[in-house]
C-alpha atoms as a PDB file:
ATOM      1  CA  UNK A   1       0.141   4.268  -4.392  1.00  0.00           C
ATOM      2  CA  UNK A   2      -3.690   3.701  -5.701  1.00  0.00           C
ATOM      3  CA  UNK A   3      -4.237   1.569  -8.733  1.00  0.00           C
ATOM      4  CA  UNK A   4      -7.351   0.248 -10.334  1.00  0.00           C
ATOM      5  CA  UNK A   5      -5.857  -3.194 -10.494  1.00  0.00           C
ATOM      6  CA  UNK A   6      -3.485  -5.512  -8.775  1.00  0.00           C
ATOM      7  CA  UNK A   7      -1.211  -6.150 -11.876  1.00  0.00           C
ATOM      8  CA  UNK A   8      -0.751  -2.359 -11.644  1.00  0.00           C
ATOM      9  CA  UNK A   9       1.057  -2.573  -8.433  1.00  0.00           C
ATOM     10  CA  UNK A  10       3.568  -5.172  -9.529  1.00  0.00           C
ATOM     11  CA  UNK A  11       4.649  -2.927 -12.283  1.00  0.00           C
ATOM     12  CA  UNK A  12       4.880   0.159 -10.063  1.00  0.00           C
ATOM     13  CA  UNK A  13       6.287  -1.559  -6.893  1.00  0.00           C
ATOM     14  CA  UNK A  14       8.241  -4.612  -7.439  1.00  0.00           C
ATOM     15  CA  UNK A  15      11.250  -5.347  -9.779  1.00  0.00           C
ATOM     16  CA  UNK A  16      14.682  -3.388  -9.771  1.00  0.00           C
ATOM     17  CA  UNK A  17      13.364  -0.164 -10.859  1.00  0.00           C
ATOM     18  CA  UNK A  18      10.075  -0.380  -8.651  1.00  0.00           C
ATOM     19  CA  UNK A  19       9.045   1.771  -5.662  1.00  0.00           C
ATOM     20  CA  UNK A  20      10.246  -0.736  -3.292  1.00  0.00           C
ATOM     21  CA  UNK A  21      13.720  -0.889  -4.499  1.00  0.00           C
ATOM     22  CA  UNK A  22      14.236   2.607  -4.217  1.00  0.00           C
ATOM     23  CA  UNK A  23      12.636   2.936  -0.323  1.00  0.00           C
ATOM     24  CA  UNK A  24      15.192   3.276   2.228  1.00  0.00           C
ATOM     25  CA  UNK A  25      14.716   1.686   5.778  1.00  0.00           C
ATOM     26  CA  UNK A  26      12.092   3.560   8.065  1.00  0.00           C
ATOM     27  CA  UNK A  27       9.978   4.171   5.129  1.00  0.00           C
ATOM     28  CA  UNK A  28       6.317   3.079   4.354  1.00  0.00           C
ATOM     29  CA  UNK A  29       4.698   2.452   1.253  1.00  0.00           C
ATOM     30  CA  UNK A  30       0.859   2.760   1.238  1.00  0.00           C
ATOM     31  CA  UNK A  31      -1.330   0.854  -0.870  1.00  0.00           C
ATOM     32  CA  UNK A  32      -4.942   1.164  -1.618  1.00  0.00           C
ATOM     33  CA  UNK A  33      -7.331  -1.136  -3.729  1.00  0.00           C
ATOM     34  CA  UNK A  34      -5.810  -4.336  -4.077  1.00  0.00           C
ATOM     35  CA  UNK A  35      -6.232  -7.823  -2.879  1.00  0.00           C
ATOM     36  CA  UNK A  36      -4.966  -9.491   0.552  1.00  0.00           C
ATOM     37  CA  UNK A  37      -2.948 -12.105  -1.907  1.00  0.00           C
ATOM     38  CA  UNK A  38      -1.157  -8.761  -3.419  1.00  0.00           C
ATOM     39  CA  UNK A  39      -0.267  -6.985   0.043  1.00  0.00           C
ATOM     40  CA  UNK A  40       1.358 -10.095   1.467  1.00  0.00           C
ATOM     41  CA  UNK A  41       3.548 -10.401  -1.810  1.00  0.00           C
ATOM     42  CA  UNK A  42       4.530  -6.636  -1.548  1.00  0.00           C
ATOM     43  CA  UNK A  43       5.256  -7.771   1.987  1.00  0.00           C
ATOM     44  CA  UNK A  44       7.364 -10.281   1.485  1.00  0.00           C
ATOM     45  CA  UNK A  45       9.395  -8.201  -1.109  1.00  0.00           C
ATOM     46  CA  UNK A  46       9.781  -5.130   0.785  1.00  0.00           C
ATOM     47  CA  UNK A  47      13.302  -4.638   2.160  1.00  0.00           C
ATOM     48  CA  UNK A  48      14.143  -4.966   5.651  1.00  0.00           C
ATOM     49  CA  UNK A  49      12.921  -1.688   7.317  1.00  0.00           C
ATOM     50  CA  UNK A  50      10.381  -0.827   4.997  1.00  0.00           C
ATOM     51  CA  UNK A  51       6.773  -0.942   5.965  1.00  0.00           C
ATOM     52  CA  UNK A  52       3.487  -1.901   3.683  1.00  0.00           C
ATOM     53  CA  UNK A  53       0.407  -0.740   4.495  1.00  0.00           C
ATOM     54  CA  UNK A  54      -2.798  -1.203   3.117  1.00  0.00           C
ATOM     55  CA  UNK A  55      -4.992   1.639   3.606  1.00  0.00           C
ATOM     56  CA  UNK A  56      -8.026   1.196   1.092  1.00  0.00           C
ATOM     57  CA  UNK A  57     -10.474   3.821   0.341  1.00  0.00           C
ATOM     58  CA  UNK A  58     -13.857   2.992   0.802  1.00  0.00           C
ATOM     59  CA  UNK A  59     -16.936   4.829  -1.035  1.00  0.00           C
ATOM     60  CA  UNK A  60     -15.844   5.313  -4.480  1.00  0.00           C
ATOM     61  CA  UNK A  61     -14.608   8.257  -6.504  1.00  0.00           C
ATOM     62  CA  UNK A  62     -18.191  10.192  -5.805  1.00  0.00           C
ATOM     63  CA  UNK A  63     -17.727   9.914  -1.978  1.00  0.00           C
ATOM     64  CA  UNK A  64     -14.038  11.275  -2.493  1.00  0.00           C
ATOM     65  CA  UNK A  65     -15.262  13.969  -4.582  1.00  0.00           C
ATOM     66  CA  UNK A  66     -17.695  14.799  -2.073  1.00  0.00           C
ATOM     67  CA  UNK A  67     -15.356  14.439   1.065  1.00  0.00           C
ATOM     68  CA  UNK A  68     -17.489  11.575   2.477  1.00  0.00           C
ATOM     69  CA  UNK A  69     -14.594   8.992   1.708  1.00  0.00           C
ATOM     70  CA  UNK A  70     -13.279   7.172   4.819  1.00  0.00           C
ATOM     71  CA  UNK A  71     -10.121   4.915   4.796  1.00  0.00           C
ATOM     72  CA  UNK A  72      -9.304   1.631   6.963  1.00  0.00           C
ATOM     73  CA  UNK A  73      -5.852   0.062   7.625  1.00  0.00           C
ATOM     74  CA  UNK A  74      -4.016  -3.057   7.784  1.00  0.00           C
ATOM     75  CA  UNK A  75      -0.256  -3.473   8.156  1.00  0.00           C
ATOM     76  CA  UNK A  76       2.137  -6.049   9.565  1.00  0.00           C
ATOM     77  CA  UNK A  77       2.731  -6.330  13.057  1.00  0.00           C
ATOM     78  CA  UNK A  78       4.273  -2.953  14.651  1.00  0.00           C
ATOM     79  CA  UNK A  79       3.523  -1.076  11.385  1.00  0.00           C
ATOM     80  CA  UNK A  80      -0.124  -0.055  12.246  1.00  0.00           C
ATOM     81  CA  UNK A  81       1.102   2.203  15.486  1.00  0.00           C
ATOM     82  CA  UNK A  82       3.929   3.644  13.464  1.00  0.00           C
ATOM     83  CA  UNK A  83       1.512   4.737  10.645  1.00  0.00           C
ATOM     84  CA  UNK A  84      -1.378   6.186  12.075  1.00  0.00           C
END
């Protein structure tokens, strides 16, 4: 999920109709371009067995278009190895 603003993640991922509610155990929600507070909230609301990974794209739109974009990754313990 790549959004422009943290509030958009709340709309798309949380609540009874959000992405997290529909995800079965063993799945992973990958989120980009949000604050660490929002990532922590997602991890708290994730169902048991669903990992939440922060994978921001770095370099902006022009870098992505030109193939120069790169990503970093942060996740709760254990999830980074699973979702490399």
